[in-house]
Amino acid sequence: MSADATYTNPVSNISDGNRPIHLGDPFVMRHEGIYYLYGTTDELEGFRYYTSRDLVHWEQHGWVWRKSPYSWAESRFWAPEVKFYRGRFYLTYSGKLRASKPARMLMGIAVADSPTGPFHDYRAPWFDLGYNTIDSHLLIDDDMTPYLYFSQNGHQDGYDFGRIFGARLTNDLAKLDGEPKLLLNASQPWEHANWQYNRTNEGPFVIKHGGVYYMMYSGNSTFEAHYGIGYATARRPLNKWTKNRANPIATSNPELGVSSPGHNSVVESPDGSELFCVYHTHADPTRMGGDRVVNIDRLTIDGQGRLRMQGPTRMPQPMPSGAPVSE
């Protein structure tokens, strides 16, 4: 564990000589004092995981979920998230339906007794609405009601699109409890950067603060410099969501060498006093490919309820509050 007072993005893989962690769609959860990082690590096989006690220095581990010869999906294993619910851990993820032509993207849910797995499919595929579904995100509300948010992604009339839906789940998480509702689509000027070819909202992540629900999401194409993070608010999980006029709250900054921040999760600092946004950027800001690295930056919610990210950063930042230090 490091005694440094600062960290610098991207965060490091101590299992690989403190080099940056290369993965996309990072999701972090904390359980019993340990942070667990999951993401798009092996698109053809499944998901590996990392652990940390300070959010900055991470140790790489093995498979948390891996496909078998009998798996419903064959590739494109994307965007895993893990939620602790009623004494068990549930992993949600996206995959390409086996032997589907054209390619069909659906979601699965797996279960384990530990955040390290191994996770075994519980419902796979989870459900089929007749269109591509990716980027699953579970919200367990204060009254323990489970909600699912996800992206419908596709291609039509010469452009790619992404739309964010939400639905209530049955209490066993096995299926939808009602029809999904369309909550967000590409509607703000910054999301029209390449309107002729891309109209995407994706990667939803919801937190609750002061009785208000905040949905962070990504807009535009992850393979372009226009990709960024915005947010919307609502008073109920499936009511009307209103995008903030100050969006995006994170976008590319060529002067800093930051390209396409997006698909984030949110987690508290070790002492619970700070919020951090965990997100990916292009590993090489001059190449708009699928090689991405993991970053963390502070989130704040001010007295007017405005969500702000203090970044993206590339200069040294104070370590997360309460991070343990070595003797």
Protein backbone atom coordinates (compact mmCIF):
# COMPACT_ATOMS: atom_id res chain seq x y z
CA MET A 1 0.00 0.00 0.00
CA SER A 2 1.34 3.42 -0.88
CA ALA A 3 1.99 6.22 1.59
CA ASP A 4 1.85 8.83 -1.17
CA ALA A 5 -0.31 11.85 -0.46
CA THR A 6 -1.36 12.14 -4.10
CA TYR A 7 -2.30 10.03 -7.10
CA THR A 8 -2.23 10.70 -10.84
CA ASN A 9 -4.62 9.33 -13.47
CA PRO A 10 -4.84 6.76 -14.89
CA VAL A 11 -4.81 4.58 -11.78
CA SER A 12 -2.23 1.81 -11.52
CA ASN A 13 -2.05 -1.96 -11.71
CA ILE A 14 0.46 -2.97 -9.04
CA SER A 15 0.44 -6.48 -10.53
CA ASP A 16 1.93 -5.02 -13.73
CA GLY A 17 4.67 -2.72 -12.54
CA ASN A 18 2.25 0.11 -11.65
CA ARG A 19 1.27 0.51 -15.28
CA PRO A 20 -2.25 1.81 -16.04
CA ILE A 21 -5.17 -0.61 -15.86
CA HIS A 22 -6.36 -1.34 -19.38
CA LEU A 23 -10.09 -2.01 -19.46
CA GLY A 24 -13.30 -0.31 -20.53
CA ASP A 25 -16.62 0.35 -18.78
CA PRO A 26 -15.16 0.31 -15.25
CA PHE A 27 -17.45 -0.55 -12.35
CA VAL A 28 -16.30 -0.38 -8.72
CA MET A 29 -18.09 -1.66 -5.63
CA ARG A 30 -16.87 -1.72 -2.02
CA HIS A 31 -17.54 -4.63 0.31
CA GLU A 32 -16.13 -5.09 3.81
CA GLY A 33 -13.40 -2.52 3.29
CA ILE A 34 -12.18 -3.80 -0.08
CA TYR A 35 -12.86 -2.23 -3.49
CA TYR A 36 -13.62 -4.55 -6.39
CA LEU A 37 -13.12 -3.36 -9.97
CA TYR A 38 -14.85 -5.08 -12.89
CA GLY A 39 -14.96 -4.05 -16.53
CA THR A 40 -14.69 -5.05 -20.15
CA THR A 41 -11.47 -7.07 -19.88
CA ASP A 42 -11.71 -10.06 -22.25
CA GLU A 43 -14.39 -9.57 -24.88
CA LEU A 44 -14.05 -13.12 -26.21
CA GLU A 45 -13.97 -14.95 -22.86
CA GLY A 46 -15.52 -13.10 -19.92
CA PHE A 47 -14.43 -10.90 -17.03
CA ARG A 48 -11.43 -10.65 -14.71
CA TYR A 49 -11.36 -8.45 -11.61
CA TYR A 50 -9.09 -6.24 -9.49
CA THR A 51 -9.00 -5.33 -5.80
CA SER A 52 -7.79 -2.28 -3.87
CA ARG A 53 -8.06 -0.69 -0.44
CA ASP A 54 -7.47 2.90 -1.57
CA LEU A 55 -9.10 3.19 -5.07
CA VAL A 56 -5.72 4.01 -6.61
CA HIS A 57 -3.44 0.98 -6.38
CA TRP A 58 -5.04 -2.16 -7.78
CA GLU A 59 -4.09 -5.83 -7.80
CA GLN A 60 -5.17 -7.96 -10.75
CA HIS A 61 -6.86 -11.34 -10.18
CA GLY A 62 -8.34 -14.07 -12.32
CA TRP A 63 -11.72 -14.83 -13.78
CA VAL A 64 -14.84 -13.74 -11.95
CA TRP A 65 -17.08 -15.04 -14.79
CA ARG A 66 -15.99 -17.00 -17.84
CA LYS A 67 -17.97 -18.48 -20.68
CA SER A 68 -18.30 -22.23 -21.11
CA PRO A 69 -19.01 -24.32 -24.23
CA TYR A 70 -22.67 -24.11 -23.21
CA SER A 71 -22.87 -20.36 -22.61
CA TRP A 72 -25.71 -18.47 -24.26
CA ALA A 73 -23.30 -15.80 -25.56
CA GLU A 74 -20.14 -16.28 -27.57
CA SER A 75 -18.34 -12.90 -27.52
CA ARG A 76 -18.64 -9.15 -26.93
CA PHE A 77 -18.68 -9.61 -23.18
CA TRP A 78 -19.13 -6.01 -22.10
CA ALA A 79 -19.80 -3.80 -19.10
CA PRO A 80 -20.17 -6.07 -16.06
CA GLU A 81 -21.54 -4.70 -12.80
CA VAL A 82 -21.92 -6.44 -9.41
CA LYS A 83 -24.61 -5.67 -6.83
CA PHE A 84 -25.01 -7.11 -3.32
CA TYR A 85 -28.68 -7.93 -2.79
CA ARG A 86 -30.40 -10.05 -0.15
CA GLY A 87 -27.20 -11.76 0.93
CA ARG A 88 -25.85 -12.66 -2.50
CA PHE A 89 -23.87 -10.98 -5.27
CA TYR A 90 -25.38 -10.50 -8.72
CA LEU A 91 -23.30 -9.82 -11.82
CA THR A 92 -25.02 -8.29 -14.83
CA TYR A 93 -23.37 -8.12 -18.24
CA SER A 94 -23.88 -7.96 -21.99
CA GLY A 95 -22.96 -10.49 -24.66
CA LYS A 96 -23.49 -11.46 -28.29
CA LEU A 97 -26.09 -14.20 -28.64
CA ARG A 98 -24.45 -17.40 -29.88
CA ALA A 99 -24.65 -17.93 -33.66
CA SER A 100 -26.86 -14.86 -34.14
CA LYS A 101 -26.76 -13.34 -37.63
CA PRO A 102 -26.99 -10.41 -37.69
CA ALA A 103 -25.38 -10.07 -34.27
CA ARG A 104 -27.82 -9.87 -31.35
CA MET A 105 -26.72 -8.23 -28.11
CA LEU A 106 -28.58 -9.28 -24.97
CA MET A 107 -27.93 -9.21 -21.22
CA GLY A 108 -27.35 -11.90 -18.63
CA ILE A 109 -27.39 -12.02 -14.85
CA ALA A 110 -25.20 -14.35 -12.79
CA VAL A 111 -24.98 -15.01 -9.05
CA ALA A 112 -22.30 -15.88 -6.48
CA ASP A 113 -21.75 -15.93 -2.73
CA SER A 114 -18.65 -13.75 -2.97
CA PRO A 115 -17.67 -10.64 -4.98
CA THR A 116 -14.75 -12.70 -6.31
CA GLY A 117 -17.08 -15.32 -7.76
CA PRO A 118 -17.09 -17.62 -9.46
CA PHE A 119 -20.39 -16.29 -10.81
CA HIS A 120 -22.82 -18.77 -12.36
CA ASP A 121 -25.54 -17.72 -14.76
CA TYR A 122 -28.90 -17.19 -13.09
CA ARG A 123 -30.89 -15.99 -16.10
CA ALA A 124 -29.00 -16.06 -19.39
CA PRO A 125 -30.10 -14.44 -21.51
CA TRP A 126 -32.05 -12.42 -18.99
CA PHE A 127 -34.87 -11.44 -21.34
CA ASP A 128 -35.38 -10.60 -25.00
CA LEU A 129 -37.32 -7.49 -25.94
CA GLY A 130 -36.72 -7.90 -29.66
CA TYR A 131 -33.88 -5.38 -29.80
CA ASN A 132 -30.26 -5.10 -28.68
CA THR A 133 -29.84 -4.49 -24.94
CA ILE A 134 -26.51 -3.62 -23.27
CA ASP A 135 -25.03 -1.71 -20.30
CA SER A 136 -27.21 -3.14 -17.53
CA HIS A 137 -27.26 -1.26 -14.22
CA LEU A 138 -29.13 -2.34 -11.07
CA LEU A 139 -30.52 0.14 -8.57
CA ILE A 140 -31.76 -1.21 -5.25
CA ASP A 141 -33.88 1.61 -3.81
CA ASP A 142 -34.18 2.49 -0.13
CA ASP A 143 -37.23 0.26 0.24
CA MET A 144 -35.31 -2.62 -1.45
CA THR A 145 -37.29 -2.33 -4.68
CA PRO A 146 -35.01 -3.41 -7.56
CA TYR A 147 -34.84 -1.39 -10.79
CA LEU A 148 -32.93 -2.06 -13.99
CA TYR A 149 -31.52 0.56 -16.34
CA PHE A 150 -30.05 -0.41 -19.70
CA SER A 151 -29.25 0.86 -23.19
CA GLN A 152 -30.97 -0.08 -26.42
CA ASN A 153 -28.28 0.22 -29.07
CA GLY A 154 -28.67 -0.28 -32.79
CA HIS A 155 -28.29 1.09 -36.30
CA GLN A 156 -30.92 2.60 -38.53
CA ASP A 157 -31.14 5.02 -41.46
CA GLY A 158 -27.36 5.26 -41.68
CA TYR A 159 -26.64 6.17 -38.03
CA ASP A 160 -25.89 4.37 -34.76
CA PHE A 161 -28.16 5.11 -31.83
CA GLY A 162 -28.44 4.45 -28.13
CA ARG A 163 -31.44 5.01 -25.86
CA ILE A 164 -31.68 4.46 -22.12
CA PHE A 165 -34.61 2.53 -20.66
CA GLY A 166 -35.66 1.69 -17.14
CA ALA A 167 -37.93 -0.94 -15.60
CA ARG A 168 -38.85 -2.43 -12.26
CA LEU A 169 -37.67 -5.98 -11.62
CA THR A 170 -39.35 -8.78 -9.72
CA ASN A 171 -37.94 -9.15 -6.20
CA ASP A 172 -35.96 -12.24 -7.20
CA LEU A 173 -34.36 -10.24 -10.07
CA ALA A 174 -35.42 -12.99 -12.46
CA LYS A 175 -37.51 -10.89 -14.85
CA LEU A 176 -39.02 -7.52 -15.63
CA ASP A 177 -42.03 -6.40 -13.62
CA GLY A 178 -43.68 -4.25 -16.28
CA GLU A 179 -42.73 -2.79 -19.64
CA PRO A 180 -39.48 -0.79 -19.84
CA LYS A 181 -39.85 2.98 -20.12
CA LEU A 182 -37.78 5.15 -22.43
CA LEU A 183 -35.94 7.60 -20.16
CA LEU A 184 -33.17 9.27 -22.18
CA ASN A 185 -32.07 9.71 -25.77
CA ALA A 186 -29.66 12.01 -27.59
CA SER A 187 -31.39 15.37 -27.15
CA GLN A 188 -28.85 18.01 -26.11
CA PRO A 189 -26.61 20.02 -28.47
CA TRP A 190 -23.39 18.37 -27.25
CA GLU A 191 -24.90 14.99 -28.15
CA HIS A 192 -25.33 16.14 -31.77
CA ALA A 193 -21.58 16.36 -32.44
CA ASN A 194 -21.81 13.75 -35.20
CA TRP A 195 -25.57 13.64 -35.62
CA GLN A 196 -25.50 12.24 -39.13
CA TYR A 197 -23.79 9.07 -37.94
CA ASN A 198 -24.28 8.77 -34.18
CA ARG A 199 -27.12 9.57 -31.76
CA THR A 200 -26.21 7.74 -28.59
CA ASN A 201 -26.95 7.81 -24.88
CA GLU A 202 -25.62 4.75 -23.02
CA GLY A 203 -23.90 3.49 -19.86
CA PRO A 204 -26.45 4.60 -17.20
CA PHE A 205 -25.46 4.74 -13.53
CA VAL A 206 -27.88 5.99 -10.84
CA ILE A 207 -27.20 7.38 -7.37
CA LYS A 208 -29.62 8.96 -4.88
CA HIS A 209 -28.92 12.09 -2.86
CA GLY A 210 -31.30 14.25 -0.86
CA GLY A 211 -34.33 12.46 -2.22
CA VAL A 212 -33.24 13.08 -5.83
CA TYR A 213 -32.13 10.42 -8.29
CA TYR A 214 -29.08 11.28 -10.42
CA MET A 215 -28.45 9.30 -13.59
CA MET A 216 -24.98 9.69 -15.07
CA TYR A 217 -24.68 8.52 -18.67
CA SER A 218 -22.38 8.71 -21.68
CA GLY A 219 -23.15 10.49 -24.95
CA ASN A 220 -21.87 10.14 -28.54
CA SER A 221 -19.54 7.38 -29.76
CA THR A 222 -16.87 5.88 -27.54
CA PHE A 223 -14.62 5.69 -30.62
CA GLU A 224 -14.69 9.46 -31.16
CA ALA A 225 -13.34 12.46 -29.28
CA HIS A 226 -16.89 13.78 -28.70
CA TYR A 227 -17.65 11.07 -26.13
CA GLY A 228 -18.40 12.45 -22.67
CA ILE A 229 -20.45 12.21 -19.48
CA GLY A 230 -23.70 13.98 -18.67
CA TYR A 231 -26.37 13.56 -16.04
CA ALA A 232 -30.11 13.83 -15.54
CA THR A 233 -32.31 13.97 -12.43
CA ALA A 234 -35.70 12.62 -11.39
CA ARG A 235 -37.88 12.40 -8.30
CA ARG A 236 -38.82 8.78 -8.93
CA PRO A 237 -36.80 5.98 -10.56
CA LEU A 238 -39.05 5.67 -13.62
CA ASN A 239 -40.54 9.17 -13.81
CA LYS A 240 -39.48 11.88 -16.22
CA TRP A 241 -35.73 12.46 -16.20
CA THR A 242 -34.45 15.98 -16.86
CA LYS A 243 -30.97 16.50 -18.28
CA ASN A 244 -28.82 19.17 -16.70
CA ARG A 245 -28.23 22.21 -18.87
CA ALA A 246 -24.53 22.27 -17.88
CA ASN A 247 -23.87 18.92 -19.59
CA PRO A 248 -21.42 17.48 -20.35
CA ILE A 249 -19.69 17.40 -16.98
CA ALA A 250 -16.69 15.53 -18.45
CA THR A 251 -15.36 15.65 -21.99
CA SER A 252 -12.12 15.34 -23.97
CA ASN A 253 -9.28 17.73 -23.20
CA PRO A 254 -6.51 17.44 -25.81
CA GLU A 255 -4.23 19.80 -23.88
CA LEU A 256 -4.25 17.35 -20.95
CA GLY A 257 -4.10 14.29 -23.16
CA VAL A 258 -7.61 13.19 -22.14
CA SER A 259 -9.72 11.53 -24.82
CA SER A 260 -13.33 10.42 -24.50
CA PRO A 261 -14.09 10.04 -20.78
CA GLY A 262 -17.12 7.86 -20.30
CA HIS A 263 -19.06 4.83 -19.08
CA ASN A 264 -18.60 5.57 -15.41
CA SER A 265 -19.58 4.24 -12.02
CA VAL A 266 -19.65 6.04 -8.65
CA VAL A 267 -18.23 4.93 -5.30
CA GLU A 268 -17.43 6.48 -1.92
CA SER A 269 -13.94 7.16 -0.57
CA PRO A 270 -12.63 4.78 2.13
CA ASP A 271 -14.01 6.96 4.95
CA GLY A 272 -17.30 7.65 3.16
CA SER A 273 -16.83 11.42 3.04
CA GLU A 274 -16.21 11.80 -0.70
CA LEU A 275 -17.73 10.55 -3.93
CA PHE A 276 -15.55 9.39 -6.80
CA CYS A 277 -16.40 8.94 -10.46
CA VAL A 278 -14.63 5.91 -11.97
CA TYR A 279 -14.44 6.17 -15.76
CA HIS A 280 -12.42 5.14 -18.79
CA THR A 281 -10.48 7.20 -21.34
CA HIS A 282 -8.57 6.20 -24.46
CA ALA A 283 -5.17 4.76 -23.56
CA ASP A 284 -3.67 6.71 -26.46
CA PRO A 285 -5.47 10.05 -26.94
CA THR A 286 -4.39 10.12 -30.58
CA ARG A 287 -6.08 6.78 -31.36
CA MET A 288 -9.85 6.39 -31.04
CA GLY A 289 -9.81 2.63 -30.49
CA GLY A 290 -11.02 0.14 -27.91
CA ASP A 291 -7.90 0.29 -25.73
CA ARG A 292 -8.99 2.21 -22.63
CA VAL A 293 -7.61 2.96 -19.17
CA VAL A 294 -9.21 3.55 -15.77
CA ASN A 295 -9.40 6.95 -14.05
CA ILE A 296 -10.94 8.28 -10.85
CA ASP A 297 -11.93 11.86 -10.02
CA ARG A 298 -13.99 13.51 -7.32
CA LEU A 299 -17.71 14.18 -7.63
CA THR A 300 -19.53 16.86 -5.67
CA ILE A 301 -23.19 17.78 -5.24
CA ASP A 302 -23.58 21.40 -4.21
CA GLY A 303 -26.29 23.10 -2.15
CA GLN A 304 -28.41 23.61 -5.27
CA GLY A 305 -28.24 19.92 -6.07
CA ARG A 306 -25.84 20.33 -8.99
CA LEU A 307 -23.58 17.38 -9.72
CA ARG A 308 -20.02 18.29 -10.75
CA MET A 309 -16.93 16.27 -11.55
CA GLN A 310 -13.55 17.73 -10.58
CA GLY A 311 -11.82 16.55 -13.72
CA PRO A 312 -10.86 14.83 -15.92
CA THR A 313 -7.43 15.27 -14.36
CA ARG A 314 -3.88 14.36 -15.31
CA MET A 315 -2.10 16.33 -12.60
CA PRO A 316 -1.49 14.95 -9.07
CA GLN A 317 -4.62 14.86 -6.90
CA PRO A 318 -5.07 14.27 -3.16
CA MET A 319 -5.54 10.63 -2.29
CA PRO A 320 -9.13 9.58 -1.53
CA SER A 321 -10.09 10.57 1.99
CA GLY A 322 -9.42 7.85 4.53
CA ALA A 323 -7.15 5.85 2.21
CA PRO A 324 -4.90 3.58 4.27
CA VAL A 325 -1.17 4.24 4.23
CA SER A 326 1.78 1.97 4.83
CA GLU A 327 3.79 2.12 8.00
